[in-house]
PDB file of N, CA and C in Angstrom:
ATOM      1  N   MET A   1      69.273-144.080  17.724  1.00  0.00           N
ATOM      2  CA  MET A   1      68.209-143.111  17.718  1.00  0.00           C
ATOM      3  C   MET A   1      68.533-141.937  18.639  1.00  0.00           C
ATOM      4  N   ARG A   2      69.155-142.229  19.762  1.00  0.00           N
ATOM      5  CA  ARG A   2      69.480-141.171  20.706  1.00  0.00           C
ATOM      6  C   ARG A   2      70.519-140.212  20.142  1.00  0.00           C
ATOM      7  N   SER A   3      71.494-140.746  19.416  1.00  0.00           N
ATOM      8  CA  SER A   3      72.526-139.871  18.864  1.00  0.00           C
ATOM      9  C   SER A   3      71.946-138.963  17.783  1.00  0.00           C
ATOM     10  N   GLU A   4      70.983-139.458  17.016  1.00  0.00           N
ATOM     11  CA  GLU A   4      70.334-138.625  16.008  1.00  0.00           C
ATOM     12  C   GLU A   4      69.569-137.479  16.658  1.00  0.00           C
ATOM     13  N   ALA A   5      68.905-137.755  17.753  1.00  0.00           N
ATOM     14  CA  ALA A   5      68.166-136.707  18.462  1.00  0.00           C
ATOM     15  C   ALA A   5      69.132-135.667  19.010  1.00  0.00           C
ATOM     16  N   GLY A   6      70.262-136.101  19.508  1.00  0.00           N
ATOM     17  CA  GLY A   6      71.272-135.174  20.014  1.00  0.00           C
ATOM     18  C   GLY A   6      71.841-134.290  18.917  1.00  0.00           C
ATOM     19  N   ILE A   7      72.041-134.879  17.747  1.00  0.00           N
ATOM     20  CA  ILE A   7      72.546-134.113  16.608  1.00  0.00           C
ATOM     21  C   ILE A   7      71.527-133.065  16.181  1.00  0.00           C
ATOM     22  N   ILE A   8      70.266-133.458  16.154  1.00  0.00           N
ATOM     23  CA  ILE A   8      69.208-132.516  15.763  1.00  0.00           C
ATOM     24  C   ILE A   8      69.122-131.372  16.754  1.00  0.00           C
ATOM     25  N   VAL A   9      69.228-131.693  18.044  1.00  0.00           N
ATOM     26  CA  VAL A   9      69.183-130.650  19.069  1.00  0.00           C
ATOM     27  C   VAL A   9      70.370-129.707  18.917  1.00  0.00           C
ATOM     28  N   ALA A  10      71.549-130.245  18.639  1.00  0.00           N
ATOM     29  CA  ALA A  10      72.743-129.419  18.478  1.00  0.00           C
ATOM     30  C   ALA A  10      72.625-128.508  17.259  1.00  0.00           C
ATOM     31  N   ILE A  11      72.120-129.024  16.165  1.00  0.00           N
ATOM     32  CA  ILE A  11      71.954-128.230  14.944  1.00  0.00           C
ATOM     33  C   ILE A  11      70.931-127.120  15.182  1.00  0.00           C
ATOM     34  N   THR A  12      69.820-127.468  15.827  1.00  0.00           N
ATOM     35  CA  THR A  12      68.790-126.472  16.113  1.00  0.00           C
ATOM     36  C   THR A  12      69.330-125.362  17.007  1.00  0.00           C
ATOM     37  N   ALA A  13      70.103-125.747  18.014  1.00  0.00           N
ATOM     38  CA  ALA A  13      70.681-124.754  18.918  1.00  0.00           C
ATOM     39  C   ALA A  13      71.661-123.846  18.177  1.00  0.00           C
ATOM     40  N   ALA A  14      72.445-124.420  17.287  1.00  0.00           N
ATOM     41  CA  ALA A  14      73.417-123.621  16.525  1.00  0.00           C
ATOM     42  C   ALA A  14      72.713-122.640  15.599  1.00  0.00           C
ATOM     43  N   VAL A  15      71.679-123.086  14.921  1.00  0.00           N
ATOM     44  CA  VAL A  15      70.940-122.203  14.013  1.00  0.00           C
ATOM     45  C   VAL A  15      70.257-121.090  14.792  1.00  0.00           C
ATOM     46  N   THR A  16      69.665-121.430  15.923  1.00  0.00           N
ATOM     47  CA  THR A  16      69.013-120.422  16.762  1.00  0.00           C
ATOM     48  C   THR A  16      70.019-119.396  17.265  1.00  0.00           C
ATOM     49  N   ALA A  17      71.181-119.851  17.698  1.00  0.00           N
ATOM     50  CA  ALA A  17      72.210-118.921  18.173  1.00  0.00           C
ATOM     51  C   ALA A  17      72.673-118.007  17.051  1.00  0.00           C
ATOM     52  N   TYR A  18      72.811-118.544  15.842  1.00  0.00           N
ATOM     53  CA  TYR A  18      73.227-117.737  14.692  1.00  0.00           C
ATOM     54  C   TYR A  18      72.192-116.652  14.381  1.00  0.00           C
ATOM     55  N   ILE A  19      70.929-117.036  14.399  1.00  0.00           N
ATOM     56  CA  ILE A  19      69.860-116.077  14.116  1.00  0.00           C
ATOM     57  C   ILE A  19      69.814-114.993  15.185  1.00  0.00           C
ATOM     58  N   GLU A  20      69.938-115.387  16.437  1.00  0.00           N
ATOM     59  CA  GLU A  20      69.924-114.409  17.528  1.00  0.00           C
ATOM     60  C   GLU A  20      71.123-113.474  17.433  1.00  0.00           C
ATOM     61  N   GLU A  21      72.256-113.976  16.977  1.00  0.00           N
ATOM     62  CA  GLU A  21      73.459-113.155  16.842  1.00  0.00           C
ATOM     63  C   GLU A  21      73.301-112.127  15.726  1.00  0.00           C
ATOM     64  N   GLU A  22      72.543-112.472  14.687  1.00  0.00           N
ATOM     65  CA  GLU A  22      72.360-111.576  13.547  1.00  0.00           C
ATOM     66  C   GLU A  22      71.286-110.519  13.770  1.00  0.00           C
ATOM     67  N   LYS A  23      70.385-110.709  14.709  1.00  0.00           N
ATOM     68  CA  LYS A  23      69.269-109.783  14.911  1.00  0.00           C
ATOM     69  C   LYS A  23      69.707-108.337  15.090  1.00  0.00           C
ATOM     70  N   PRO A  24      70.711-108.022  15.915  1.00  0.00           N
ATOM     71  CA  PRO A  24      71.100-106.612  16.063  1.00  0.00           C
ATOM     72  C   PRO A  24      71.664-106.004  14.777  1.00  0.00           C
ATOM     73  N   LEU A  25      72.135-106.829  13.863  1.00  0.00           N
ATOM     74  CA  LEU A  25      72.753-106.322  12.639  1.00  0.00           C
ATOM     75  C   LEU A  25      71.761-106.130  11.499  1.00  0.00           C
ATOM     76  N   GLN A  26      70.535-106.605  11.638  1.00  0.00           N
ATOM     77  CA  GLN A  26      69.569-106.531  10.552  1.00  0.00           C
ATOM     78  C   GLN A  26      69.292-105.110  10.068  1.00  0.00           C
ATOM     79  N   PRO A  27      69.125-104.110  10.937  1.00  0.00           N
ATOM     80  CA  PRO A  27      68.901-102.748  10.412  1.00  0.00           C
ATOM     81  C   PRO A  27      70.095-102.236   9.596  1.00  0.00           C
ATOM     82  N   LEU A  28      71.293-102.582  10.018  1.00  0.00           N
ATOM     83  CA  LEU A  28      72.477-102.157   9.271  1.00  0.00           C
ATOM     84  C   LEU A  28      72.548-102.825   7.909  1.00  0.00           C
ATOM     85  N   MET A  29      72.214-104.112   7.857  1.00  0.00           N
ATOM     86  CA  MET A  29      72.250-104.836   6.591  1.00  0.00           C
ATOM     87  C   MET A  29      71.183-104.321   5.637  1.00  0.00           C
ATOM     88  N   ALA A  30      70.018-103.932   6.153  1.00  0.00           N
ATOM     89  CA  ALA A  30      68.956-103.407   5.301  1.00  0.00           C
ATOM     90  C   ALA A  30      69.383-102.084   4.675  1.00  0.00           C
ATOM     91  N   ARG A  31      70.026-101.222   5.453  1.00  0.00           N
ATOM     92  CA  ARG A  31      70.505 -99.952   4.903  1.00  0.00           C
ATOM     93  C   ARG A  31      71.574-100.177   3.853  1.00  0.00           C
ATOM     94  N   ARG A  32      72.436-101.128   4.092  1.00  0.00           N
ATOM     95  CA  ARG A  32      73.518-101.394   3.144  1.00  0.00           C
ATOM     96  C   ARG A  32      72.955-101.890   1.814  1.00  0.00           C
ATOM     97  N   ARG A  33      71.945-102.734   1.847  1.00  0.00           N
ATOM     98  CA  ARG A  33      71.343-103.229   0.612  1.00  0.00           C
ATOM     99  C   ARG A  33      70.723-102.093  -0.192  1.00  0.00           C
ATOM    100  N   LEU A  34      70.061-101.169   0.483  1.00  0.00           N
ATOM    101  CA  LEU A  34      69.409-100.071  -0.220  1.00  0.00           C
ATOM    102  C   LEU A  34      70.414 -99.164  -0.906  1.00  0.00           C
ATOM    103  N   THR A  35      71.519 -98.875  -0.258  1.00  0.00           N
ATOM    104  CA  THR A  35      72.495 -97.987  -0.861  1.00  0.00           C
ATOM    105  C   THR A  35      73.291 -98.682  -1.956  1.00  0.00           C
ATOM    106  N   GLY A  36      73.481 -99.993  -1.871  1.00  0.00           N
ATOM    107  CA  GLY A  36      74.268-100.704  -2.856  1.00  0.00           C
ATOM    108  C   GLY A  36      73.517-101.022  -4.136  1.00  0.00           C
ATOM    109  N   ALA A  37      72.218-100.811  -4.159  1.00  0.00           N
ATOM    110  CA  ALA A  37      71.413-101.204  -5.310  1.00  0.00           C
ATOM    111  C   ALA A  37      71.299-100.102  -6.363  1.00  0.00           C
ATOM    112  N   SER A  38      72.089 -99.054  -6.276  1.00  0.00           N
ATOM    113  CA  SER A  38      71.936 -97.943  -7.202  1.00  0.00           C
ATOM    114  C   SER A  38      72.933 -97.968  -8.363  1.00  0.00           C
ATOM    115  N   ASN A  39      73.460 -99.118  -8.674  1.00  0.00           N
ATOM    116  CA  ASN A  39      74.394 -99.235  -9.778  1.00  0.00           C
ATOM    117  C   ASN A  39      73.626 -99.185 -11.100  1.00  0.00           C
ATOM    118  N   SER A  40      73.871 -98.175 -11.908  1.00  0.00           N
ATOM    119  CA  SER A  40      73.099 -98.011 -13.134  1.00  0.00           C
ATOM    120  C   SER A  40      73.433 -99.073 -14.185  1.00  0.00           C
ATOM    121  N   TRP A  41      74.652 -99.592 -14.176  1.00  0.00           N
ATOM    122  CA  TRP A  41      75.007-100.624 -15.152  1.00  0.00           C
ATOM    123  C   TRP A  41      74.227-101.904 -14.899  1.00  0.00           C
ATOM    124  N   SER A  42      74.112-102.317 -13.641  1.00  0.00           N
ATOM    125  CA  SER A  42      73.368-103.545 -13.354  1.00  0.00           C
ATOM    126  C   SER A  42      71.883-103.351 -13.625  1.00  0.00           C
ATOM    127  N   GLY A  43      71.360-102.178 -13.306  1.00  0.00           N
ATOM    128  CA  GLY A  43      69.955-101.904 -13.590  1.00  0.00           C
ATOM    129  C   GLY A  43      69.668-101.922 -15.077  1.00  0.00           C
ATOM    130  N   SER A  44      70.577-101.345 -15.848  1.00  0.00           N
ATOM    131  CA  SER A  44      70.424-101.330 -17.300  1.00  0.00           C
ATOM    132  C   SER A  44      70.483-102.750 -17.866  1.00  0.00           C
ATOM    133  N   GLY A  45      71.375-103.549 -17.328  1.00  0.00           N
ATOM    134  CA  GLY A  45      71.488-104.938 -17.791  1.00  0.00           C
ATOM    135  C   GLY A  45      70.237-105.736 -17.504  1.00  0.00           C
ATOM    136  N   ARG A  46      69.694-105.576 -16.294  1.00  0.00           N
ATOM    137  CA  ARG A  46      68.466-106.289 -15.950  1.00  0.00           C
ATOM    138  C   ARG A  46      67.300-105.847 -16.838  1.00  0.00           C
ATOM    139  N   GLU A  47      67.246-104.552 -17.097  1.00  0.00           N
ATOM    140  CA  GLU A  47      66.180-104.022 -17.942  1.00  0.00           C
ATOM    141  C   GLU A  47      66.271-104.617 -19.354  1.00  0.00           C
ATOM    142  N   GLU A  48      67.469-104.718 -19.885  1.00  0.00           N
ATOM    143  CA  GLU A  48      67.664-105.283 -21.221  1.00  0.00           C
ATOM    144  C   GLU A  48      67.283-106.764 -21.255  1.00  0.00           C
ATOM    145  N   ILE A  49      67.636-107.497 -20.207  1.00  0.00           N
ATOM    146  CA  ILE A  49      67.267-108.911 -20.137  1.00  0.00           C
ATOM    147  C   ILE A  49      65.751-109.063 -20.126  1.00  0.00           C
ATOM    148  N   MET A  50      65.067-108.241 -19.333  1.00  0.00           N
ATOM    149  CA  MET A  50      63.600-108.317 -19.286  1.00  0.00           C
ATOM    150  C   MET A  50      62.991-107.959 -20.643  1.00  0.00           C
ATOM    151  N   ARG A  51      63.565-106.970 -21.320  1.00  0.00           N
ATOM    152  CA  ARG A  51      63.058-106.580 -22.629  1.00  0.00           C
ATOM    153  C   ARG A  51      63.199-107.738 -23.626  1.00  0.00           C
ATOM    154  N   MET A  52      64.339-108.418 -23.614  1.00  0.00           N
ATOM    155  CA  MET A  52      64.547-109.537 -24.537  1.00  0.00           C
ATOM    156  C   MET A  52      63.596-110.697 -24.216  1.00  0.00           C
ATOM    157  N   ARG A  53      63.353-110.953 -22.946  1.00  0.00           N
ATOM    158  CA  ARG A  53      62.418-112.013 -22.578  1.00  0.00           C
ATOM    159  C   ARG A  53      61.015-111.691 -23.085  1.00  0.00           C
ATOM    160  N   THR A  54      60.637-110.430 -22.955  1.00  0.00           N
ATOM    161  CA  THR A  54      59.322-110.015 -23.438  1.00  0.00           C
ATOM    162  C   THR A  54      59.212-110.227 -24.941  1.00  0.00           C
ATOM    163  N   LEU A  55      60.247-109.872 -25.679  1.00  0.00           N
ATOM    164  CA  LEU A  55      60.225-110.076 -27.130  1.00  0.00           C
ATOM    165  C   LEU A  55      60.098-111.551 -27.483  1.00  0.00           C
ATOM    166  N   TRP A  56      60.853-112.408 -26.780  1.00  0.00           N
ATOM    167  CA  TRP A  56      60.764-113.841 -27.047  1.00  0.00           C
ATOM    168  C   TRP A  56      59.370-114.369 -26.728  1.00  0.00           C
ATOM    169  N   GLN A  57      58.789-113.919 -25.625  1.00  0.00           N
ATOM    170  CA  GLN A  57      57.453-114.378 -25.265  1.00  0.00           C
ATOM    171  C   GLN A  57      56.426-113.937 -26.305  1.00  0.00           C
ATOM    172  N   ARG A  58      56.569-112.743 -26.840  1.00  0.00           N
ATOM    173  CA  ARG A  58      55.641-112.272 -27.890  1.00  0.00           C
ATOM    174  C   ARG A  58      55.791-113.102 -29.153  1.00  0.00           C
ATOM    175  N   ARG A  59      57.020-113.439 -29.505  1.00  0.00           N
ATOM    176  CA  ARG A  59      57.244-114.259 -30.702  1.00  0.00           C
ATOM    177  C   ARG A  59      56.657-115.643 -30.531  1.00  0.00           C
ATOM    178  N   ILE A  60      56.853-116.226 -29.358  1.00  0.00           N
ATOM    179  CA  ILE A  60      56.327-117.576 -29.104  1.00  0.00           C
ATOM    180  C   ILE A  60      54.810-117.570 -29.101  1.00  0.00           C
ATOM    181  N   ALA A  61      54.207-116.566 -28.446  1.00  0.00           N
ATOM    182  CA  ALA A  61      52.740-116.500 -28.343  1.00  0.00           C
ATOM    183  C   ALA A  61      52.101-116.233 -29.711  1.00  0.00           C
ATOM    184  N   SER A  62      52.752-115.423 -30.564  1.00  0.00           N
ATOM    185  CA  SER A  62      52.151-115.112 -31.857  1.00  0.00           C
ATOM    186  C   SER A  62      52.311-116.260 -32.845  1.00  0.00           C
ATOM    187  N   GLY A  63      53.210-117.200 -32.581  1.00  0.00           N
ATOM    188  CA  GLY A  63      53.435-118.322 -33.476  1.00  0.00           C
ATOM    189  C   GLY A  63      52.406-119.421 -33.347  1.00  0.00           C
ATOM    190  N   ARG A  64      51.564-119.346 -32.367  1.00  0.00           N
ATOM    191  CA  ARG A  64      50.558-120.407 -32.161  1.00  0.00           C
ATOM    192  C   ARG A  64      49.389-120.276 -33.054  1.00  0.00           C
TER     193      ARG A  64
END
């Protein structure tokens, strides 16, 4: 039982240290995500997938 508690404490400490290490980088990562999301091909692909899902849902709903 004692070794399990020690393992849990070690894991918790490691996760906390990782989170604290990432905190200063969060504003940089947020900016990077915003600039990287402007790919028109991926946006077009997602839009087409949503359109096809909508068509399938209309077909399924009208068949009842």
